[in-house]
Amino acid sequence: MSSSKELRWGKAPAPFSEAGRSLAAASLQSASALLARLAQSLAREPASAVSDPRFEFHAEAGASEGALYVDGRFVGWLPGVSRL
């Protein structure tokens, strides 16, 4: 005994009307913009924590020779510089 169903190939009905799709797209874009602004505000340091930048340079043997850091973040290399 076989259990098979007839498959009909054709165009599936659209799950949303054009107005519904436009409303969903507008809602998602608004939510995305809101989340992007929230992420940027969370990524910023509070005004009280902002101070003069702190520069670090490493030229010790065995360390990252010539590496330049600003506030603990690597910003680049200073080729050919052995000390500041």
N, C-alpha and C. Protein backbone atom coordinates (compact mmCIF):
# COMPACT_ATOMS: atom_id res chain seq x y z
N MET A 1 0.84 -1.17 0.00
CA MET A 1 0.00 0.00 0.00
C MET A 1 0.88 1.24 0.00
N SER A 2 0.62 2.12 -0.88
CA SER A 2 1.44 3.29 -1.07
C SER A 2 0.68 4.54 -0.63
N SER A 3 1.41 5.43 0.01
CA SER A 3 0.81 6.69 0.45
C SER A 3 1.44 7.81 -0.36
N SER A 4 0.80 8.19 -1.40
CA SER A 4 1.37 9.26 -2.23
C SER A 4 0.31 10.32 -2.46
N LYS A 5 0.79 11.53 -2.63
CA LYS A 5 -0.11 12.65 -2.88
C LYS A 5 0.26 13.25 -4.23
N GLU A 6 -0.71 13.79 -4.85
CA GLU A 6 -0.48 14.44 -6.13
C GLU A 6 0.12 15.82 -5.89
N LEU A 7 1.24 16.10 -6.54
CA LEU A 7 1.88 17.40 -6.42
C LEU A 7 1.45 18.27 -7.59
N ARG A 8 1.06 19.45 -7.28
CA ARG A 8 0.66 20.40 -8.32
C ARG A 8 1.69 21.51 -8.37
N TRP A 9 2.27 21.68 -9.52
CA TRP A 9 3.27 22.72 -9.71
C TRP A 9 2.59 23.92 -10.31
N GLY A 10 2.80 25.01 -9.69
CA GLY A 10 2.22 26.24 -10.19
C GLY A 10 2.68 27.39 -9.32
N LYS A 11 2.10 28.50 -9.53
CA LYS A 11 2.47 29.68 -8.78
C LYS A 11 1.80 29.62 -7.40
N ALA A 12 2.61 29.77 -6.35
CA ALA A 12 2.07 29.78 -5.00
C ALA A 12 1.39 31.12 -4.74
N PRO A 13 0.37 31.12 -3.96
CA PRO A 13 -0.30 32.39 -3.66
C PRO A 13 0.64 33.28 -2.83
N ALA A 14 0.60 34.57 -3.08
CA ALA A 14 1.43 35.51 -2.34
C ALA A 14 0.97 35.56 -0.89
N PRO A 15 1.92 35.48 0.07
CA PRO A 15 1.52 35.47 1.47
C PRO A 15 1.01 36.82 1.96
N PHE A 16 1.43 37.90 1.32
CA PHE A 16 0.99 39.23 1.72
C PHE A 16 0.52 40.00 0.50
N SER A 17 -0.38 40.92 0.73
CA SER A 17 -0.78 41.82 -0.35
C SER A 17 0.32 42.85 -0.55
N GLU A 18 0.24 43.61 -1.60
CA GLU A 18 1.26 44.63 -1.87
C GLU A 18 1.30 45.65 -0.74
N ALA A 19 0.15 46.03 -0.21
CA ALA A 19 0.12 46.99 0.90
C ALA A 19 0.76 46.39 2.14
N GLY A 20 0.52 45.12 2.38
CA GLY A 20 1.11 44.45 3.55
C GLY A 20 2.62 44.35 3.43
N ARG A 21 3.10 44.07 2.23
CA ARG A 21 4.55 43.99 2.01
C ARG A 21 5.19 45.35 2.20
N SER A 22 4.56 46.40 1.70
CA SER A 22 5.10 47.75 1.86
C SER A 22 5.14 48.15 3.33
N LEU A 23 4.10 47.82 4.07
CA LEU A 23 4.04 48.13 5.50
C LEU A 23 5.12 47.36 6.26
N ALA A 24 5.29 46.09 5.94
CA ALA A 24 6.31 45.28 6.60
C ALA A 24 7.71 45.81 6.29
N ALA A 25 7.96 46.20 5.04
CA ALA A 25 9.27 46.73 4.65
C ALA A 25 9.54 48.04 5.38
N ALA A 26 8.56 48.93 5.44
CA ALA A 26 8.74 50.21 6.12
C ALA A 26 9.00 50.00 7.62
N SER A 27 8.29 49.06 8.21
CA SER A 27 8.49 48.76 9.64
C SER A 27 9.88 48.22 9.90
N LEU A 28 10.35 47.32 9.06
CA LEU A 28 11.69 46.75 9.23
C LEU A 28 12.77 47.81 9.02
N GLN A 29 12.60 48.70 8.06
CA GLN A 29 13.58 49.77 7.84
C GLN A 29 13.63 50.72 9.03
N SER A 30 12.47 51.05 9.59
CA SER A 30 12.44 51.93 10.76
C SER A 30 13.12 51.26 11.95
N ALA A 31 12.83 49.99 12.16
CA ALA A 31 13.45 49.26 13.27
C ALA A 31 14.95 49.17 13.07
N SER A 32 15.40 48.97 11.85
CA SER A 32 16.83 48.89 11.55
C SER A 32 17.52 50.22 11.85
N ALA A 33 16.92 51.33 11.44
CA ALA A 33 17.50 52.65 11.69
C ALA A 33 17.57 52.93 13.20
N LEU A 34 16.53 52.55 13.93
CA LEU A 34 16.52 52.74 15.38
C LEU A 34 17.61 51.92 16.04
N LEU A 35 17.77 50.67 15.63
CA LEU A 35 18.81 49.82 16.20
C LEU A 35 20.21 50.33 15.86
N ALA A 36 20.40 50.87 14.66
CA ALA A 36 21.70 51.42 14.28
C ALA A 36 22.06 52.63 15.15
N ARG A 37 21.08 53.51 15.40
CA ARG A 37 21.34 54.66 16.28
C ARG A 37 21.64 54.21 17.70
N LEU A 38 20.91 53.21 18.18
CA LEU A 38 21.15 52.68 19.52
C LEU A 38 22.55 52.08 19.63
N ALA A 39 22.96 51.33 18.62
CA ALA A 39 24.29 50.72 18.62
C ALA A 39 25.38 51.78 18.64
N GLN A 40 25.21 52.85 17.87
CA GLN A 40 26.21 53.92 17.85
C GLN A 40 26.29 54.63 19.18
N SER A 41 25.15 54.86 19.83
CA SER A 41 25.18 55.53 21.12
C SER A 41 25.80 54.65 22.19
N LEU A 42 25.62 53.35 22.09
CA LEU A 42 26.24 52.44 23.06
C LEU A 42 27.74 52.31 22.83
N ALA A 43 28.19 52.45 21.59
CA ALA A 43 29.60 52.31 21.27
C ALA A 43 30.42 53.52 21.70
N ARG A 44 29.79 54.67 21.80
CA ARG A 44 30.50 55.88 22.21
C ARG A 44 30.85 55.82 23.69
N GLU A 45 32.00 56.39 24.02
CA GLU A 45 32.39 56.47 25.42
C GLU A 45 31.66 57.65 26.05
N PRO A 46 31.32 57.54 27.33
CA PRO A 46 30.69 58.68 28.00
C PRO A 46 31.64 59.88 28.02
N ALA A 47 31.09 61.08 28.03
CA ALA A 47 31.90 62.29 28.00
C ALA A 47 32.86 62.36 29.18
N SER A 48 32.48 61.81 30.32
CA SER A 48 33.35 61.86 31.50
C SER A 48 34.57 60.97 31.33
N ALA A 49 34.51 59.96 30.47
CA ALA A 49 35.62 59.04 30.30
C ALA A 49 36.61 59.50 29.25
N VAL A 50 36.25 60.53 28.48
CA VAL A 50 37.12 61.01 27.41
C VAL A 50 38.24 61.85 28.02
N SER A 51 39.47 61.54 27.68
CA SER A 51 40.62 62.31 28.15
C SER A 51 41.59 62.48 26.99
N ASP A 52 42.74 63.04 27.30
CA ASP A 52 43.77 63.16 26.27
C ASP A 52 44.17 61.77 25.81
N PRO A 53 44.45 61.61 24.52
CA PRO A 53 44.84 60.28 24.04
C PRO A 53 46.18 59.86 24.64
N ARG A 54 46.31 58.59 24.91
CA ARG A 54 47.55 58.04 25.46
C ARG A 54 48.24 57.25 24.36
N PHE A 55 49.45 57.66 24.02
CA PHE A 55 50.22 57.00 22.97
C PHE A 55 51.17 56.00 23.59
N GLU A 56 51.31 54.85 22.96
CA GLU A 56 52.26 53.85 23.41
C GLU A 56 53.06 53.40 22.19
N PHE A 57 54.34 53.16 22.41
CA PHE A 57 55.20 52.68 21.35
C PHE A 57 56.02 51.53 21.92
N HIS A 58 56.09 50.44 21.18
CA HIS A 58 56.81 49.27 21.65
C HIS A 58 57.99 48.99 20.72
N ALA A 59 59.19 48.99 21.30
CA ALA A 59 60.38 48.68 20.51
C ALA A 59 61.29 47.71 21.27
N GLU A 60 60.73 47.02 22.25
CA GLU A 60 61.53 46.06 23.01
C GLU A 60 61.75 44.80 22.20
N ALA A 61 62.86 44.14 22.45
CA ALA A 61 63.14 42.88 21.76
C ALA A 61 62.09 41.86 22.15
N GLY A 62 61.57 41.17 21.17
CA GLY A 62 60.56 40.15 21.42
C GLY A 62 59.15 40.68 21.46
N ALA A 63 58.99 41.99 21.54
CA ALA A 63 57.64 42.58 21.53
C ALA A 63 57.27 42.93 20.09
N SER A 64 56.16 43.55 19.94
CA SER A 64 55.74 44.00 18.60
C SER A 64 56.54 45.23 18.24
N GLU A 65 57.75 45.03 17.74
CA GLU A 65 58.67 46.15 17.51
C GLU A 65 58.11 47.13 16.48
N GLY A 66 58.13 48.40 16.87
CA GLY A 66 57.65 49.45 15.99
C GLY A 66 56.14 49.63 16.01
N ALA A 67 55.44 48.94 16.91
CA ALA A 67 53.99 49.04 16.95
C ALA A 67 53.57 50.31 17.68
N LEU A 68 52.62 51.04 17.13
CA LEU A 68 52.12 52.26 17.73
C LEU A 68 50.67 52.04 18.15
N TYR A 69 50.37 52.37 19.41
CA TYR A 69 49.03 52.21 19.97
C TYR A 69 48.54 53.56 20.46
N VAL A 70 47.25 53.82 20.31
CA VAL A 70 46.61 55.00 20.87
C VAL A 70 45.47 54.51 21.73
N ASP A 71 45.51 54.85 23.01
CA ASP A 71 44.51 54.41 23.99
C ASP A 71 44.33 52.90 23.96
N GLY A 72 45.43 52.18 23.84
CA GLY A 72 45.38 50.73 23.88
C GLY A 72 44.95 50.05 22.60
N ARG A 73 44.68 50.82 21.57
CA ARG A 73 44.27 50.24 20.27
C ARG A 73 45.40 50.39 19.26
N PHE A 74 45.72 49.31 18.58
CA PHE A 74 46.78 49.32 17.58
C PHE A 74 46.38 50.21 16.41
N VAL A 75 47.26 51.16 16.04
CA VAL A 75 46.95 52.04 14.92
C VAL A 75 47.92 51.89 13.75
N GLY A 76 49.08 51.25 13.97
CA GLY A 76 49.98 51.05 12.84
C GLY A 76 51.40 50.76 13.28
N TRP A 77 52.24 50.66 12.28
CA TRP A 77 53.66 50.37 12.49
C TRP A 77 54.47 51.59 12.12
N LEU A 78 55.60 51.77 12.78
CA LEU A 78 56.55 52.81 12.43
C LEU A 78 57.82 52.12 11.93
N PRO A 79 57.90 51.87 10.63
CA PRO A 79 59.04 51.12 10.09
C PRO A 79 60.34 51.90 10.26
N GLY A 80 61.38 51.18 10.67
CA GLY A 80 62.70 51.78 10.81
C GLY A 80 62.89 52.60 12.06
N VAL A 81 61.89 52.74 12.91
CA VAL A 81 62.01 53.51 14.15
C VAL A 81 62.26 52.52 15.28
N SER A 82 63.37 52.72 15.97
CA SER A 82 63.69 51.80 17.07
C SER A 82 63.37 52.40 18.43
N ARG A 83 63.23 53.74 18.52
CA ARG A 83 62.82 54.34 19.77
C ARG A 83 62.29 55.74 19.50
N LEU A 84 61.48 56.22 20.42
CA LEU A 84 60.92 57.57 20.29
C LEU A 84 61.50 58.47 21.35
